[in-house]
């Protein structure tokens, strides 16, 4: 028997496939499937909150008391009807789960009304209006998966990638993903309008699993959009390459110094020069050596071709002019 989570995932995926088909006739099945999927996902949230409970009782719309045979009573499901949206919201609150709020709640109410029109009466809803209503509810899918502590990319696959691309959810996810990197020593170099993107899907949804981690070498993360995993060195290299892509382009175009180079310590392309205090974004190796002649701090851009304790300028003055 398929689990509720599997049924929810199947319904959401079918809804996404329907709306992506661009066939106006499939918009009807899109809203049916997607709406059903959200309800099932919400029910799975309830079950996750009370794993020891009888699912039939927890999700039943009505209950009746019956004798427990020892002088007390117990409750069992009355009939086969399961909870609707209003009851789902009530049980979320009863179990201490956060219910949908704000614009997403309004959007969910609209989606339910549209779905009821389609199911029970005549309607004038077009494919574009249905697509818009569904898109406004995409944040709910993200919120429910957060409650479940499960990766939507793992469960929904390419359907989640499509959902994550949509504007309303995308902006929210960007903020959340960026927040997981707030403890990184180079976080101040990240900008909302210039975030690193995943090499696999192109979405700017890179995140680390442990938001409290402040050590770049211990990053365990990847793309929240497509589920691609990245080890720490690859993750940081991608961040550096994307953040300083503009400077790198100008350096190559105009013949200037590169904004970042290979770190002499960890040997990854993560030593950033184009900042006040040049440092490796991965291992933290900094410019600790000073030139024995002029006293200037030596970093990768100013080191001599032979290395050592002379900056490039002093090395040239010492050896090239002889």
Protein backbone atom coordinates (compact mmCIF):
# COMPACT_ATOMS: atom_id res chain seq x y z
CA UNK A 1 0.00 0.00 0.00
CA UNK A 2 1.37 3.39 -0.99
CA UNK A 3 2.10 5.76 1.88
CA UNK A 4 0.37 9.11 2.25
CA UNK A 5 3.66 10.85 1.43
CA UNK A 6 3.96 8.81 -1.78
CA UNK A 7 0.36 9.63 -2.72
CA UNK A 8 1.02 13.31 -1.97
CA UNK A 9 4.16 13.33 -4.10
CA UNK A 10 2.40 11.55 -6.98
CA UNK A 11 -0.50 14.02 -6.90
CA UNK A 12 1.76 17.07 -6.81
CA UNK A 13 3.91 15.70 -9.63
CA UNK A 14 0.83 14.98 -11.74
CA UNK A 15 -0.45 18.49 -11.08
CA UNK A 16 2.85 20.01 -12.18
CA UNK A 17 2.97 17.82 -15.29
CA UNK A 18 -0.58 18.87 -16.15
CA UNK A 19 0.04 22.60 -15.79
CA UNK A 20 3.35 22.42 -17.66
CA UNK A 21 1.71 20.74 -20.64
CA UNK A 22 0.20 24.07 -21.79
CA UNK A 23 -2.91 22.13 -22.79
CA UNK A 24 -5.94 24.15 -21.53
CA UNK A 25 -7.90 20.94 -20.94
CA UNK A 26 -5.27 19.60 -18.56
CA UNK A 27 -5.51 22.68 -16.34
CA UNK A 28 -8.60 21.13 -14.77
CA UNK A 29 -6.74 17.99 -13.74
CA UNK A 30 -3.78 20.16 -12.69
CA UNK A 31 -5.74 21.95 -9.98
CA UNK A 32 -7.40 18.71 -8.84
CA UNK A 33 -4.13 16.86 -8.52
CA UNK A 34 -2.15 19.71 -7.00
CA UNK A 35 -4.83 20.59 -4.45
CA UNK A 36 -5.14 16.93 -3.46
CA UNK A 37 -1.37 16.69 -3.13
CA UNK A 38 -1.20 19.64 -0.72
CA UNK A 39 -3.91 18.12 1.47
CA UNK A 40 -2.15 14.77 1.56
CA UNK A 41 1.15 16.47 2.37
CA UNK A 42 -0.54 18.28 5.25
CA UNK A 43 -1.91 14.99 6.54
CA UNK A 44 1.57 13.52 6.41
CA UNK A 45 2.70 16.44 8.60
CA UNK A 46 0.10 15.43 11.19
CA UNK A 47 1.27 11.83 11.13
CA UNK A 48 4.88 12.91 11.56
CA UNK A 49 3.89 14.87 14.65
CA UNK A 50 2.20 11.84 16.23
CA UNK A 51 4.00 8.76 14.84
CA UNK A 52 2.47 6.50 17.48
CA UNK A 53 -1.12 7.46 16.72
CA UNK A 54 -3.57 5.41 14.67
CA UNK A 55 -3.66 7.19 11.27
CA UNK A 56 -7.33 6.32 10.79
CA UNK A 57 -8.28 8.09 14.03
CA UNK A 58 -5.92 11.03 13.59
CA UNK A 59 -7.15 11.79 10.07
CA UNK A 60 -10.82 10.88 10.52
CA UNK A 61 -13.31 13.70 10.07
CA UNK A 62 -15.66 12.29 12.72
CA UNK A 63 -15.18 10.09 15.78
CA UNK A 64 -17.40 8.12 18.08
CA UNK A 65 -16.81 6.87 21.62
CA UNK A 66 -16.85 3.11 22.20
CA UNK A 67 -16.33 1.06 25.31
CA UNK A 68 -12.81 -0.05 26.02
CA UNK A 69 -14.12 -3.08 27.94
CA UNK A 70 -12.65 -2.02 31.28
CA UNK A 71 -15.08 0.71 32.27
CA UNK A 72 -13.74 3.48 30.10
CA UNK A 73 -14.09 4.64 26.52
CA UNK A 74 -11.93 5.04 23.49
CA UNK A 75 -12.55 6.81 20.21
CA UNK A 76 -12.65 5.30 16.78
CA UNK A 77 -13.24 6.73 13.33
CA UNK A 78 -16.88 7.15 12.35
CA UNK A 79 -17.29 6.48 8.68
CA UNK A 80 -14.63 6.77 6.02
CA UNK A 81 -14.54 10.56 5.61
CA UNK A 82 -11.17 12.17 6.34
CA UNK A 83 -10.47 15.75 7.37
CA UNK A 84 -10.95 18.63 4.97
CA UNK A 85 -8.90 21.83 4.84
CA UNK A 86 -10.66 23.52 7.76
CA UNK A 87 -10.23 20.44 9.93
CA UNK A 88 -6.64 20.04 8.80
CA UNK A 89 -5.91 23.60 9.93
CA UNK A 90 -7.59 22.93 13.29
CA UNK A 91 -5.54 19.77 13.89
CA UNK A 92 -2.34 21.52 12.92
CA UNK A 93 -3.02 23.99 15.70
CA UNK A 94 -4.07 21.23 18.13
CA UNK A 95 -0.72 19.48 17.59
CA UNK A 96 1.32 22.68 17.75
CA UNK A 97 2.20 22.78 14.06
CA UNK A 98 2.45 26.11 12.20
CA UNK A 99 -0.40 26.55 9.75
CA UNK A 100 -0.27 28.43 6.48
CA UNK A 101 -0.48 32.18 6.94
CA UNK A 102 -0.12 35.46 5.09
CA UNK A 103 -0.36 35.61 1.28
CA UNK A 104 -0.02 31.82 1.02
CA UNK A 105 -3.14 31.30 3.16
CA UNK A 106 -5.12 33.68 0.97
CA UNK A 107 -3.82 31.90 -2.11
CA UNK A 108 -4.78 28.51 -0.64
CA UNK A 109 -8.32 29.77 0.02
CA UNK A 110 -8.55 30.93 -3.59
CA UNK A 111 -7.22 27.60 -4.87
CA UNK A 112 -9.80 25.72 -2.78
CA UNK A 113 -12.61 27.92 -4.08
CA UNK A 114 -11.50 27.40 -7.68
CA UNK A 115 -11.23 23.68 -7.17
CA UNK A 116 -14.73 23.56 -5.65
CA UNK A 117 -16.11 25.50 -8.61
CA UNK A 118 -14.55 23.01 -11.00
CA UNK A 119 -15.73 19.99 -9.02
CA UNK A 120 -19.26 21.05 -8.14
CA UNK A 121 -20.50 23.72 -10.54
CA UNK A 122 -19.84 25.58 -13.74
CA UNK A 123 -16.76 27.78 -13.83
CA UNK A 124 -14.90 30.29 -15.96
CA UNK A 125 -11.39 29.62 -14.70
CA UNK A 126 -8.81 29.66 -17.48
CA UNK A 127 -5.49 27.90 -17.63
CA UNK A 128 -3.51 31.11 -16.84
CA UNK A 129 -5.63 31.85 -13.75
CA UNK A 130 -5.26 28.26 -12.54
CA UNK A 131 -1.50 28.38 -13.10
CA UNK A 132 -1.29 31.64 -11.15
CA UNK A 133 -3.33 30.21 -8.27
CA UNK A 134 -1.16 27.12 -8.11
CA UNK A 135 2.03 29.16 -8.22
CA UNK A 136 0.88 31.29 -5.30
CA UNK A 137 0.54 28.09 -3.25
CA UNK A 138 4.01 26.72 -3.99
CA UNK A 139 5.40 28.16 -0.71
CA UNK A 140 2.97 25.88 1.14
CA UNK A 141 4.67 22.84 -0.36
CA UNK A 142 8.03 24.15 0.85
CA UNK A 143 6.64 24.84 4.35
CA UNK A 144 5.13 21.36 4.69
CA UNK A 145 8.36 19.67 3.61
CA UNK A 146 10.17 21.80 6.19
CA UNK A 147 7.85 20.42 8.86
CA UNK A 148 8.61 16.90 7.63
CA UNK A 149 12.37 17.60 7.66
CA UNK A 150 12.58 16.05 4.21
CA UNK A 151 14.22 17.28 1.03
CA UNK A 152 11.53 18.20 -1.52
CA UNK A 153 14.11 17.71 -4.27
CA UNK A 154 14.56 14.09 -3.20
CA UNK A 155 10.82 13.42 -3.00
CA UNK A 156 9.49 15.41 -5.97
CA UNK A 157 12.47 15.36 -8.32
CA UNK A 158 12.13 17.56 -11.41
CA UNK A 159 8.69 18.73 -10.28
CA UNK A 160 10.34 20.41 -7.31
CA UNK A 161 12.90 22.05 -9.60
CA UNK A 162 10.02 23.55 -11.56
CA UNK A 163 8.29 24.69 -8.37
CA UNK A 164 11.50 26.26 -7.07
CA UNK A 165 11.88 28.25 -10.27
CA UNK A 166 8.59 30.05 -9.80
CA UNK A 167 8.94 33.63 -8.65
CA UNK A 168 6.95 33.73 -5.41
CA UNK A 169 8.58 30.70 -3.87
CA UNK A 170 11.94 31.37 -5.48
CA UNK A 171 12.43 34.69 -3.70
CA UNK A 172 11.52 33.11 -0.38
CA UNK A 173 13.84 30.16 -0.91
CA UNK A 174 16.72 32.46 -1.87
CA UNK A 175 16.43 34.27 1.45
CA UNK A 176 16.25 31.00 3.37
CA UNK A 177 19.22 29.47 1.54
CA UNK A 178 21.29 32.61 2.00
CA UNK A 179 20.51 32.57 5.73
CA UNK A 180 22.15 29.14 6.10
CA UNK A 181 25.47 30.74 5.08
CA UNK A 182 25.23 33.68 7.49
CA UNK A 183 27.88 32.24 9.82
CA UNK A 184 30.50 32.00 7.05
CA UNK A 185 33.42 34.45 7.41
CA UNK A 186 32.85 35.63 3.82
CA UNK A 187 29.08 36.03 4.10
CA UNK A 188 29.30 39.82 3.73
CA UNK A 189 30.54 39.34 0.18
CA UNK A 190 27.32 37.63 -0.87
CA UNK A 191 24.66 39.86 -2.39
CA UNK A 192 21.01 39.03 -3.02
CA UNK A 193 21.32 40.23 -6.61
CA UNK A 194 24.52 38.30 -7.26
CA UNK A 195 24.20 34.90 -5.61
CA UNK A 196 26.16 31.82 -6.69
CA UNK A 197 24.20 29.49 -8.93
CA UNK A 198 24.13 25.71 -9.20
CA UNK A 199 26.16 24.38 -12.12
CA UNK A 200 23.57 21.64 -12.70
CA UNK A 201 20.28 23.57 -12.81
CA UNK A 202 21.33 27.23 -12.72
CA UNK A 203 19.19 28.11 -9.70
CA UNK A 204 20.71 30.41 -7.06
CA UNK A 205 19.68 28.18 -4.18
CA UNK A 206 22.96 26.94 -2.72
CA UNK A 207 22.72 26.20 0.99
CA UNK A 208 24.41 24.24 3.75
CA UNK A 209 22.55 21.73 5.89
CA UNK A 210 23.86 23.09 9.20
CA UNK A 211 23.20 26.82 9.42
CA UNK A 212 25.28 27.07 12.62
CA UNK A 213 28.45 25.90 10.92
CA UNK A 214 30.96 28.73 10.50
CA UNK A 215 33.82 26.66 9.06
CA UNK A 216 33.92 26.68 5.23
CA UNK A 217 35.91 23.43 5.23
CA UNK A 218 33.04 21.71 7.05
CA UNK A 219 30.26 22.79 4.69
CA UNK A 220 27.79 20.00 3.95
CA UNK A 221 25.50 21.39 1.32
CA UNK A 222 24.36 21.68 -2.23
CA UNK A 223 21.50 23.01 -4.33
CA UNK A 224 18.06 23.20 -2.74
CA UNK A 225 16.53 23.43 -6.20
CA UNK A 226 17.71 20.24 -7.91
CA UNK A 227 19.25 18.36 -4.99
CA UNK A 228 22.82 18.33 -6.35
CA UNK A 229 25.28 17.76 -3.50
CA UNK A 230 28.62 19.58 -3.23
CA UNK A 231 31.58 18.88 -0.98
CA UNK A 232 33.09 21.84 0.86
CA UNK A 233 35.93 22.65 -1.61
CA UNK A 234 33.64 22.54 -4.65
CA UNK A 235 31.00 24.55 -2.80
CA UNK A 236 33.42 27.34 -1.86
CA UNK A 237 35.07 27.35 -5.28
CA UNK A 238 31.66 27.85 -6.83
CA UNK A 239 30.89 30.69 -4.42
CA UNK A 240 34.19 32.44 -5.20
CA UNK A 241 33.88 31.97 -8.95
CA UNK A 242 30.32 33.31 -9.03
CA UNK A 243 30.75 36.22 -6.60
CA UNK A 244 33.85 37.50 -8.37
CA UNK A 245 32.83 36.55 -11.91
CA UNK A 246 32.46 40.16 -12.97
CA UNK A 247 35.92 41.10 -11.71
CA UNK A 248 37.40 38.02 -13.34
CA UNK A 249 35.83 38.96 -16.67
CA UNK A 250 37.18 42.52 -16.54
CA UNK A 251 40.64 41.26 -15.54
CA UNK A 252 40.72 38.88 -18.50
CA UNK A 253 39.33 41.52 -20.86
CA UNK A 254 41.57 44.39 -19.79
CA UNK A 255 44.65 42.41 -18.82
CA UNK A 256 44.44 43.18 -15.09
CA UNK A 257 45.13 41.05 -12.06
CA UNK A 258 42.70 38.18 -11.38
CA UNK A 259 40.38 38.66 -8.38
CA UNK A 260 41.21 35.19 -7.03
CA UNK A 261 43.93 32.58 -7.51
CA UNK A 262 44.89 29.13 -6.28
CA UNK A 263 45.55 29.02 -2.56
CA UNK A 264 49.11 27.92 -1.76
CA UNK A 265 47.88 26.00 1.27
CA UNK A 266 44.76 24.10 0.15
CA UNK A 267 45.48 24.29 -3.60
CA UNK A 268 41.95 25.31 -4.51
CA UNK A 269 40.90 28.33 -6.55
CA UNK A 270 39.63 30.09 -3.46
CA UNK A 271 42.29 32.64 -2.48
CA UNK A 272 40.57 35.98 -2.98
CA UNK A 273 42.80 38.96 -3.73
CA UNK A 274 40.16 41.54 -4.63
CA UNK A 275 39.32 42.40 -1.01
CA UNK A 276 40.96 44.54 1.67
CA UNK A 277 42.49 41.57 3.47
CA UNK A 278 43.26 38.84 0.91
CA UNK A 279 42.38 35.42 2.27
CA UNK A 280 41.41 31.93 1.19
CA UNK A 281 37.63 31.56 1.46
CA UNK A 282 38.05 27.81 1.99
CA UNK A 283 40.91 27.20 4.44
CA UNK A 284 41.31 30.72 5.83
CA UNK A 285 44.97 31.00 4.79
CA UNK A 286 45.85 34.68 4.80
CA UNK A 287 48.67 36.99 3.85
CA UNK A 288 50.92 36.51 6.83
CA UNK A 289 54.29 37.06 5.14
CA UNK A 290 55.76 40.56 4.84
CA UNK A 291 58.45 41.62 2.43
CA UNK A 292 61.84 41.73 4.17
CA UNK A 293 62.80 44.74 2.11
CA UNK A 294 59.78 47.08 2.10
CA UNK A 295 57.64 45.50 4.82
CA UNK A 296 54.56 45.20 2.61
CA UNK A 297 52.28 42.22 3.13
CA UNK A 298 52.89 39.61 0.44
CA UNK A 299 49.88 37.86 -1.07
CA UNK A 300 49.44 35.89 -4.27
CA UNK A 301 49.14 38.93 -6.52
CA UNK A 302 52.31 40.58 -5.21
CA UNK A 303 54.51 37.55 -4.62
CA UNK A 304 57.68 37.19 -6.64
CA UNK A 305 57.98 34.54 -9.35
CA UNK A 306 60.46 32.71 -7.13
CA UNK A 307 58.38 32.97 -3.96
CA UNK A 308 60.28 33.67 -0.77
CA UNK A 309 60.14 36.75 1.42
CA UNK A 310 60.41 39.44 -1.26
CA UNK A 311 57.41 41.05 -2.90
CA UNK A 312 57.35 41.17 -6.69
CA UNK A 313 58.48 44.79 -6.84
CA UNK A 314 61.44 44.30 -4.50
CA UNK A 315 62.41 41.05 -6.21
CA UNK A 316 62.52 42.90 -9.53
CA UNK A 317 64.55 45.73 -8.01
CA UNK A 318 66.94 43.26 -6.46
CA UNK A 319 67.45 40.78 -9.26
CA UNK A 320 66.14 42.17 -12.54
CA UNK A 321 68.16 45.37 -12.47
CA UNK A 322 71.49 43.64 -11.94
